Structures are given as C-alpha cells and as structure tokens.
Amino acid sequence: MLLPVSLTVVLIRGLEAFKLFDIVVVMTGGGPGTATETVTMYAYLVAMKNGNLGYASAIAYALLIMVTIITLFFLNSLRRRAAAAE
C-alpha cells in the first residue's frame, strides 16, 4: 500500500531536481568550477554565454526525452501495481 505513494514521491522529487536552476544560479553560480552545475544550467550557459543555440536546444530536447521516458516508466509501474491490487 505504501509503494504507489513512494513511487509518486520519487517521481515528483526527481522532476523537481531537473528544475533546480534559479537556486543554483543565485547561491553558487554553478561553482566552484562546475561542481554544482545542473543540466538545465549547462544548457543555459551553452546558449547564452557561448551563443550555441543549436547545441543548447539539443540538450533541452534530450532532457525532455529523458524526463518523459522516466515519467512513463513510473506511471506504467503505478498502473500495473494498481491493476494487480484490484
């Protein structure tokens, strides 16, 4: 009974981890070095600092595909467990 709730919490927290842009920029700016740089921050830096919009767009689309696959996996797992419980 606790597994569906746990999977939902993991899914939501995982999605929030991809949205950590503003906190990292304000607190550390991605440093020291690139120690606290996230994927979204890297895409932003590639686009705005380096002016490479095509590569930044490819990073963003790859991130979108990864998040979509992970979300579909979790939702499919929740549906199978709910169907088995009935």
PDB file of N, CA and C in Angstrom:
ATOM      1  N   MET A   1       0.817  -1.198   0.000  1.00  0.00           N
ATOM      2  CA  MET A   1       0.000   0.000   0.000  1.00  0.00           C
ATOM      3  C   MET A   1       0.859   1.260   0.000  1.00  0.00           C
ATOM      4  N   LEU A   2       2.012   1.126   0.505  1.00  0.00           N
ATOM      5  CA  LEU A   2       2.886   2.288   0.582  1.00  0.00           C
ATOM      6  C   LEU A   2       3.696   2.495  -0.695  1.00  0.00           C
ATOM      7  N   LEU A   3       3.825   1.467  -1.501  1.00  0.00           N
ATOM      8  CA  LEU A   3       4.644   1.543  -2.706  1.00  0.00           C
ATOM      9  C   LEU A   3       4.147   2.562  -3.725  1.00  0.00           C
ATOM     10  N   PRO A   4       2.844   2.635  -4.041  1.00  0.00           N
ATOM     11  CA  PRO A   4       2.408   3.660  -5.003  1.00  0.00           C
ATOM     12  C   PRO A   4       2.693   5.086  -4.535  1.00  0.00           C
ATOM     13  N   VAL A   5       2.527   5.312  -3.258  1.00  0.00           N
ATOM     14  CA  VAL A   5       2.804   6.646  -2.716  1.00  0.00           C
ATOM     15  C   VAL A   5       4.298   6.943  -2.803  1.00  0.00           C
ATOM     16  N   SER A   6       5.113   5.962  -2.482  1.00  0.00           N
ATOM     17  CA  SER A   6       6.561   6.147  -2.556  1.00  0.00           C
ATOM     18  C   SER A   6       7.016   6.409  -3.986  1.00  0.00           C
ATOM     19  N   LEU A   7       6.462   5.674  -4.940  1.00  0.00           N
ATOM     20  CA  LEU A   7       6.821   5.896  -6.338  1.00  0.00           C
ATOM     21  C   LEU A   7       6.410   7.287  -6.807  1.00  0.00           C
ATOM     22  N   THR A   8       5.250   7.742  -6.362  1.00  0.00           N
ATOM     23  CA  THR A   8       4.795   9.081  -6.726  1.00  0.00           C
ATOM     24  C   THR A   8       5.720  10.149  -6.147  1.00  0.00           C
ATOM     25  N   VAL A   9       6.122   9.969  -4.914  1.00  0.00           N
ATOM     26  CA  VAL A   9       7.030  10.927  -4.278  1.00  0.00           C
ATOM     27  C   VAL A   9       8.375  10.950  -5.001  1.00  0.00           C
ATOM     28  N   VAL A  10       8.889   9.777  -5.350  1.00  0.00           N
ATOM     29  CA  VAL A  10      10.163   9.712  -6.069  1.00  0.00           C
ATOM     30  C   VAL A  10      10.043  10.395  -7.426  1.00  0.00           C
ATOM     31  N   LEU A  11       8.934  10.180  -8.118  1.00  0.00           N
ATOM     32  CA  LEU A  11       8.719  10.809  -9.419  1.00  0.00           C
ATOM     33  C   LEU A  11       8.678  12.328  -9.299  1.00  0.00           C
ATOM     34  N   ILE A  12       7.924  12.826  -8.356  1.00  0.00           N
ATOM     35  CA  ILE A  12       7.800  14.276  -8.189  1.00  0.00           C
ATOM     36  C   ILE A  12       9.135  14.896  -7.790  1.00  0.00           C
ATOM     37  N   ARG A  13       9.849  14.277  -6.861  1.00  0.00           N
ATOM     38  CA  ARG A  13      11.141  14.823  -6.433  1.00  0.00           C
ATOM     39  C   ARG A  13      12.172  14.746  -7.556  1.00  0.00           C
ATOM     40  N   GLY A  14      12.098  13.694  -8.359  1.00  0.00           N
ATOM     41  CA  GLY A  14      13.009  13.580  -9.494  1.00  0.00           C
ATOM     42  C   GLY A  14      12.771  14.661 -10.518  1.00  0.00           C
ATOM     43  N   LEU A  15      11.502  14.963 -10.777  1.00  0.00           N
ATOM     44  CA  LEU A  15      11.180  16.032 -11.719  1.00  0.00           C
ATOM     45  C   LEU A  15      11.592  17.392 -11.179  1.00  0.00           C
ATOM     46  N   GLU A  16      11.465  17.582  -9.879  1.00  0.00           N
ATOM     47  CA  GLU A  16      11.891  18.847  -9.282  1.00  0.00           C
ATOM     48  C   GLU A  16      13.408  19.017  -9.348  1.00  0.00           C
ATOM     49  N   ALA A  17      14.133  17.917  -9.340  1.00  0.00           N
ATOM     50  CA  ALA A  17      15.594  18.001  -9.430  1.00  0.00           C
ATOM     51  C   ALA A  17      16.028  18.573 -10.770  1.00  0.00           C
ATOM     52  N   PHE A  18      15.241  18.341 -11.818  1.00  0.00           N
ATOM     53  CA  PHE A  18      15.576  18.894 -13.128  1.00  0.00           C
ATOM     54  C   PHE A  18      15.247  20.384 -13.215  1.00  0.00           C
ATOM     55  N   LYS A  19      14.475  20.894 -12.271  1.00  0.00           N
ATOM     56  CA  LYS A  19      14.072  22.298 -12.318  1.00  0.00           C
ATOM     57  C   LYS A  19      14.923  23.182 -11.403  1.00  0.00           C
ATOM     58  N   LEU A  20      16.001  22.662 -10.876  1.00  0.00           N
ATOM     59  CA  LEU A  20      16.861  23.436  -9.982  1.00  0.00           C
ATOM     60  C   LEU A  20      17.776  24.341 -10.789  1.00  0.00           C
ATOM     61  N   PHE A  21      17.255  25.426 -11.236  1.00  0.00           N
ATOM     62  CA  PHE A  21      18.073  26.376 -11.990  1.00  0.00           C
ATOM     63  C   PHE A  21      18.294  27.638 -11.181  1.00  0.00           C
ATOM     64  N   ASP A  22      17.221  28.248 -10.740  1.00  0.00           N
ATOM     65  CA  ASP A  22      17.323  29.535 -10.063  1.00  0.00           C
ATOM     66  C   ASP A  22      18.075  29.449  -8.744  1.00  0.00           C
ATOM     67  N   ILE A  23      17.862  28.384  -7.988  1.00  0.00           N
ATOM     68  CA  ILE A  23      18.531  28.248  -6.694  1.00  0.00           C
ATOM     69  C   ILE A  23      20.042  28.122  -6.886  1.00  0.00           C
ATOM     70  N   VAL A  24      20.448  27.309  -7.842  1.00  0.00           N
ATOM     71  CA  VAL A  24      21.878  27.106  -8.088  1.00  0.00           C
ATOM     72  C   VAL A  24      22.529  28.386  -8.599  1.00  0.00           C
ATOM     73  N   VAL A  25      21.859  29.091  -9.487  1.00  0.00           N
ATOM     74  CA  VAL A  25      22.432  30.324 -10.036  1.00  0.00           C
ATOM     75  C   VAL A  25      22.591  31.378  -8.949  1.00  0.00           C
ATOM     76  N   VAL A  26      21.586  31.536  -8.118  1.00  0.00           N
ATOM     77  CA  VAL A  26      21.639  32.564  -7.077  1.00  0.00           C
ATOM     78  C   VAL A  26      22.658  32.210  -6.003  1.00  0.00           C
ATOM     79  N   MET A  27      22.684  30.948  -5.578  1.00  0.00           N
ATOM     80  CA  MET A  27      23.535  30.587  -4.445  1.00  0.00           C
ATOM     81  C   MET A  27      24.997  30.376  -4.833  1.00  0.00           C
ATOM     82  N   THR A  28      25.258  29.669  -5.947  1.00  0.00           N
ATOM     83  CA  THR A  28      26.649  29.323  -6.250  1.00  0.00           C
ATOM     84  C   THR A  28      27.098  29.751  -7.635  1.00  0.00           C
ATOM     85  N   GLY A  29      26.168  30.014  -8.527  1.00  0.00           N
ATOM     86  CA  GLY A  29      26.540  30.346  -9.898  1.00  0.00           C
ATOM     87  C   GLY A  29      27.145  29.172 -10.643  1.00  0.00           C
ATOM     88  N   GLY A  30      26.916  27.964 -10.145  1.00  0.00           N
ATOM     89  CA  GLY A  30      27.453  26.777 -10.788  1.00  0.00           C
ATOM     90  C   GLY A  30      28.822  26.371 -10.292  1.00  0.00           C
ATOM     91  N   GLY A  31      29.375  27.133  -9.400  1.00  0.00           N
ATOM     92  CA  GLY A  31      30.743  26.869  -8.975  1.00  0.00           C
ATOM     93  C   GLY A  31      30.816  26.239  -7.607  1.00  0.00           C
ATOM     94  N   PRO A  32      31.963  25.964  -7.086  1.00  0.00           N
ATOM     95  CA  PRO A  32      33.269  26.207  -7.674  1.00  0.00           C
ATOM     96  C   PRO A  32      33.530  25.280  -8.858  1.00  0.00           C
ATOM     97  N   GLY A  33      34.076  25.852  -9.870  1.00  0.00           N
ATOM     98  CA  GLY A  33      34.259  25.108 -11.118  1.00  0.00           C
ATOM     99  C   GLY A  33      32.903  24.813 -11.721  1.00  0.00           C
ATOM    100  N   THR A  34      32.607  23.559 -11.886  1.00  0.00           N
ATOM    101  CA  THR A  34      31.277  23.149 -12.350  1.00  0.00           C
ATOM    102  C   THR A  34      30.659  22.161 -11.367  1.00  0.00           C
ATOM    103  N   ALA A  35      31.026  22.270 -10.086  1.00  0.00           N
ATOM    104  CA  ALA A  35      30.605  21.293  -9.084  1.00  0.00           C
ATOM    105  C   ALA A  35      29.100  21.272  -8.867  1.00  0.00           C
ATOM    106  N   THR A  36      28.441  22.422  -8.942  1.00  0.00           N
ATOM    107  CA  THR A  36      27.001  22.460  -8.699  1.00  0.00           C
ATOM    108  C   THR A  36      26.215  22.780  -9.956  1.00  0.00           C
ATOM    109  N   GLU A  37      26.820  22.572 -11.105  1.00  0.00           N
ATOM    110  CA  GLU A  37      26.147  22.870 -12.369  1.00  0.00           C
ATOM    111  C   GLU A  37      25.158  21.754 -12.707  1.00  0.00           C
ATOM    112  N   THR A  38      23.926  22.128 -13.031  1.00  0.00           N
ATOM    113  CA  THR A  38      22.906  21.157 -13.417  1.00  0.00           C
ATOM    114  C   THR A  38      22.792  21.111 -14.940  1.00  0.00           C
ATOM    115  N   VAL A  39      22.008  20.162 -15.438  1.00  0.00           N
ATOM    116  CA  VAL A  39      21.842  20.027 -16.886  1.00  0.00           C
ATOM    117  C   VAL A  39      21.162  21.265 -17.456  1.00  0.00           C
ATOM    118  N   THR A  40      20.147  21.771 -16.763  1.00  0.00           N
ATOM    119  CA  THR A  40      19.454  22.955 -17.262  1.00  0.00           C
ATOM    120  C   THR A  40      20.364  24.182 -17.244  1.00  0.00           C
ATOM    121  N   MET A  41      21.193  24.279 -16.223  1.00  0.00           N
ATOM    122  CA  MET A  41      22.123  25.401 -16.165  1.00  0.00           C
ATOM    123  C   MET A  41      23.174  25.283 -17.266  1.00  0.00           C
ATOM    124  N   TYR A  42      23.628  24.075 -17.537  1.00  0.00           N
ATOM    125  CA  TYR A  42      24.600  23.868 -18.614  1.00  0.00           C
ATOM    126  C   TYR A  42      24.004  24.269 -19.961  1.00  0.00           C
ATOM    127  N   ALA A  43      22.757  23.891 -20.203  1.00  0.00           N
ATOM    128  CA  ALA A  43      22.098  24.273 -21.459  1.00  0.00           C
ATOM    129  C   ALA A  43      21.984  25.793 -21.562  1.00  0.00           C
ATOM    130  N   TYR A  44      21.659  26.444 -20.460  1.00  0.00           N
ATOM    131  CA  TYR A  44      21.562  27.903 -20.446  1.00  0.00           C
ATOM    132  C   TYR A  44      22.916  28.548 -20.742  1.00  0.00           C
ATOM    133  N   LEU A  45      23.962  28.054 -20.108  1.00  0.00           N
ATOM    134  CA  LEU A  45      25.293  28.626 -20.325  1.00  0.00           C
ATOM    135  C   LEU A  45      25.771  28.411 -21.755  1.00  0.00           C
ATOM    136  N   VAL A  46      25.471  27.237 -22.315  1.00  0.00           N
ATOM    137  CA  VAL A  46      25.857  26.971 -23.704  1.00  0.00           C
ATOM    138  C   VAL A  46      25.143  27.942 -24.633  1.00  0.00           C
ATOM    139  N   ALA A  47      23.873  28.204 -24.357  1.00  0.00           N
ATOM    140  CA  ALA A  47      23.094  29.087 -25.232  1.00  0.00           C
ATOM    141  C   ALA A  47      23.483  30.550 -25.058  1.00  0.00           C
ATOM    142  N   MET A  48      23.568  31.009 -23.833  1.00  0.00           N
ATOM    143  CA  MET A  48      23.736  32.438 -23.594  1.00  0.00           C
ATOM    144  C   MET A  48      25.194  32.896 -23.571  1.00  0.00           C
ATOM    145  N   LYS A  49      26.077  32.109 -22.986  1.00  0.00           N
ATOM    146  CA  LYS A  49      27.480  32.513 -22.930  1.00  0.00           C
ATOM    147  C   LYS A  49      28.214  32.187 -24.217  1.00  0.00           C
ATOM    148  N   ASN A  50      28.001  30.974 -24.717  1.00  0.00           N
ATOM    149  CA  ASN A  50      28.734  30.533 -25.900  1.00  0.00           C
ATOM    150  C   ASN A  50      28.012  30.878 -27.189  1.00  0.00           C
ATOM    151  N   GLY A  51      26.732  31.202 -27.103  1.00  0.00           N
ATOM    152  CA  GLY A  51      25.963  31.550 -28.290  1.00  0.00           C
ATOM    153  C   GLY A  51      25.640  30.365 -29.182  1.00  0.00           C
ATOM    154  N   ASN A  52      25.750  29.168 -28.651  1.00  0.00           N
ATOM    155  CA  ASN A  52      25.499  27.960 -29.427  1.00  0.00           C
ATOM    156  C   ASN A  52      24.072  27.480 -29.162  1.00  0.00           C
ATOM    157  N   LEU A  53      23.111  28.111 -29.818  1.00  0.00           N
ATOM    158  CA  LEU A  53      21.705  27.817 -29.560  1.00  0.00           C
ATOM    159  C   LEU A  53      21.298  26.432 -30.041  1.00  0.00           C
ATOM    160  N   GLY A  54      21.901  25.952 -31.106  1.00  0.00           N
ATOM    161  CA  GLY A  54      21.565  24.627 -31.618  1.00  0.00           C
ATOM    162  C   GLY A  54      21.931  23.528 -30.638  1.00  0.00           C
ATOM    163  N   TYR A  55      23.129  23.604 -30.079  1.00  0.00           N
ATOM    164  CA  TYR A  55      23.576  22.604 -29.114  1.00  0.00           C
ATOM    165  C   TYR A  55      22.748  22.679 -27.834  1.00  0.00           C
ATOM    166  N   ALA A  56      22.439  23.891 -27.382  1.00  0.00           N
ATOM    167  CA  ALA A  56      21.610  24.058 -26.189  1.00  0.00           C
ATOM    168  C   ALA A  56      20.215  23.496 -26.419  1.00  0.00           C
ATOM    169  N   SER A  57      19.692  23.683 -27.615  1.00  0.00           N
ATOM    170  CA  SER A  57      18.387  23.120 -27.951  1.00  0.00           C
ATOM    171  C   SER A  57      18.434  21.598 -27.947  1.00  0.00           C
ATOM    172  N   ALA A  58      19.511  21.028 -28.450  1.00  0.00           N
ATOM    173  CA  ALA A  58      19.664  19.569 -28.435  1.00  0.00           C
ATOM    174  C   ALA A  58      19.733  19.035 -27.010  1.00  0.00           C
ATOM    175  N   ILE A  59      20.418  19.754 -26.131  1.00  0.00           N
ATOM    176  CA  ILE A  59      20.483  19.361 -24.722  1.00  0.00           C
ATOM    177  C   ILE A  59      19.091  19.396 -24.108  1.00  0.00           C
ATOM    178  N   ALA A  60      18.341  20.453 -24.394  1.00  0.00           N
ATOM    179  CA  ALA A  60      16.994  20.588 -23.840  1.00  0.00           C
ATOM    180  C   ALA A  60      16.067  19.483 -24.343  1.00  0.00           C
ATOM    181  N   TYR A  61      16.156  19.152 -25.618  1.00  0.00           N
ATOM    182  CA  TYR A  61      15.325  18.072 -26.150  1.00  0.00           C
ATOM    183  C   TYR A  61      15.727  16.721 -25.566  1.00  0.00           C
ATOM    184  N   ALA A  62      17.013  16.488 -25.387  1.00  0.00           N
ATOM    185  CA  ALA A  62      17.461  15.239 -24.768  1.00  0.00           C
ATOM    186  C   ALA A  62      16.945  15.135 -23.338  1.00  0.00           C
ATOM    187  N   LEU A  63      16.970  16.253 -22.620  1.00  0.00           N
ATOM    188  CA  LEU A  63      16.438  16.278 -21.260  1.00  0.00           C
ATOM    189  C   LEU A  63      14.940  16.014 -21.258  1.00  0.00           C
ATOM    190  N   LEU A  64      14.228  16.597 -22.213  1.00  0.00           N
ATOM    191  CA  LEU A  64      12.792  16.359 -22.337  1.00  0.00           C
ATOM    192  C   LEU A  64      12.500  14.884 -22.583  1.00  0.00           C
ATOM    193  N   ILE A  65      13.248  14.264 -23.460  1.00  0.00           N
ATOM    194  CA  ILE A  65      13.038  12.847 -23.764  1.00  0.00           C
ATOM    195  C   ILE A  65      13.348  11.982 -22.546  1.00  0.00           C
ATOM    196  N   MET A  66      14.431  12.292 -21.831  1.00  0.00           N
ATOM    197  CA  MET A  66      14.770  11.527 -20.627  1.00  0.00           C
ATOM    198  C   MET A  66      13.679  11.627 -19.575  1.00  0.00           C
ATOM    199  N   VAL A  67      13.209  12.839 -19.309  1.00  0.00           N
ATOM    200  CA  VAL A  67      12.173  13.038 -18.300  1.00  0.00           C
ATOM    201  C   VAL A  67      10.878  12.352 -18.716  1.00  0.00           C
ATOM    202  N   THR A  68      10.534  12.411 -19.994  1.00  0.00           N
ATOM    203  CA  THR A  68       9.322  11.755 -20.478  1.00  0.00           C
ATOM    204  C   THR A  68       9.414  10.245 -20.313  1.00  0.00           C
ATOM    205  N   ILE A  69      10.544   9.657 -20.650  1.00  0.00           N
ATOM    206  CA  ILE A  69      10.717   8.207 -20.508  1.00  0.00           C
ATOM    207  C   ILE A  69      10.637   7.791 -19.046  1.00  0.00           C
ATOM    208  N   ILE A  70      11.286   8.528 -18.173  1.00  0.00           N
ATOM    209  CA  ILE A  70      11.244   8.211 -16.746  1.00  0.00           C
ATOM    210  C   ILE A  70       9.824   8.330 -16.216  1.00  0.00           C
ATOM    211  N   THR A  71       9.116   9.382 -16.610  1.00  0.00           N
ATOM    212  CA  THR A  71       7.736   9.574 -16.163  1.00  0.00           C
ATOM    213  C   THR A  71       6.835   8.452 -16.664  1.00  0.00           C
ATOM    214  N   LEU A  72       6.968   8.082 -17.920  1.00  0.00           N
ATOM    215  CA  LEU A  72       6.150   6.997 -18.461  1.00  0.00           C
ATOM    216  C   LEU A  72       6.449   5.677 -17.767  1.00  0.00           C
ATOM    217  N   PHE A  73       7.710   5.433 -17.446  1.00  0.00           N
ATOM    218  CA  PHE A  73       8.074   4.220 -16.725  1.00  0.00           C
ATOM    219  C   PHE A  73       7.393   4.175 -15.360  1.00  0.00           C
ATOM    220  N   PHE A  74       7.456   5.276 -14.615  1.00  0.00           N
ATOM    221  CA  PHE A  74       6.836   5.315 -13.298  1.00  0.00           C
ATOM    222  C   PHE A  74       5.320   5.191 -13.383  1.00  0.00           C
ATOM    223  N   LEU A  75       4.708   5.882 -14.324  1.00  0.00           N
ATOM    224  CA  LEU A  75       3.251   5.798 -14.459  1.00  0.00           C
ATOM    225  C   LEU A  75       2.808   4.398 -14.861  1.00  0.00           C
ATOM    226  N   ASN A  76       3.556   3.764 -15.747  1.00  0.00           N
ATOM    227  CA  ASN A  76       3.241   2.395 -16.142  1.00  0.00           C
ATOM    228  C   ASN A  76       3.376   1.447 -14.953  1.00  0.00           C
ATOM    229  N   SER A  77       4.394   1.649 -14.159  1.00  0.00           N
ATOM    230  CA  SER A  77       4.588   0.834 -12.966  1.00  0.00           C
ATOM    231  C   SER A  77       3.444   1.021 -11.979  1.00  0.00           C
ATOM    232  N   LEU A  78       3.004   2.261 -11.798  1.00  0.00           N
ATOM    233  CA  LEU A  78       1.878   2.519 -10.894  1.00  0.00           C
ATOM    234  C   LEU A  78       0.599   1.871 -11.407  1.00  0.00           C
ATOM    235  N   ARG A  79       0.357   1.940 -12.703  1.00  0.00           N
ATOM    236  CA  ARG A  79      -0.854   1.338 -13.273  1.00  0.00           C
ATOM    237  C   ARG A  79      -0.849  -0.177 -13.114  1.00  0.00           C
ATOM    238  N   ARG A  80       0.303  -0.807 -13.348  1.00  0.00           N
ATOM    239  CA  ARG A  80       0.386  -2.261 -13.203  1.00  0.00           C
ATOM    240  C   ARG A  80       0.143  -2.678 -11.764  1.00  0.00           C
ATOM    241  N   ARG A  81       0.698  -1.940 -10.833  1.00  0.00           N
ATOM    242  CA  ARG A  81       0.508  -2.291  -9.421  1.00  0.00           C
ATOM    243  C   ARG A  81      -0.932  -2.048  -8.979  1.00  0.00           C
ATOM    244  N   ALA A  82      -1.554  -0.999  -9.498  1.00  0.00           N
ATOM    245  CA  ALA A  82      -2.954  -0.731  -9.155  1.00  0.00           C
ATOM    246  C   ALA A  82      -3.862  -1.808  -9.739  1.00  0.00           C
ATOM    247  N   ALA A  83      -3.560  -2.258 -10.950  1.00  0.00           N
ATOM    248  CA  ALA A  83      -4.361  -3.317 -11.564  1.00  0.00           C
ATOM    249  C   ALA A  83      -4.170  -4.635 -10.823  1.00  0.00           C
ATOM    250  N   ALA A  84      -2.978  -4.899 -10.341  1.00  0.00           N
ATOM    251  CA  ALA A  84      -2.720  -6.134  -9.600  1.00  0.00           C
ATOM    252  C   ALA A  84      -3.381  -6.105  -8.229  1.00  0.00           C
ATOM    253  N   ALA A  85      -3.537  -4.927  -7.663  1.00  0.00           N
ATOM    254  CA  ALA A  85      -4.150  -4.804  -6.339  1.00  0.00           C
ATOM    255  C   ALA A  85      -5.658  -4.997  -6.382  1.00  0.00           C
ATOM    256  N   GLU A  86      -6.256  -4.763  -7.539  1.00  0.00           N
ATOM    257  CA  GLU A  86      -7.713  -4.895  -7.641  1.00  0.00           C
ATOM    258  C   GLU A  86      -8.071  -6.290  -7.787  1.00  0.00           C
TER     259      GLU A  86
END
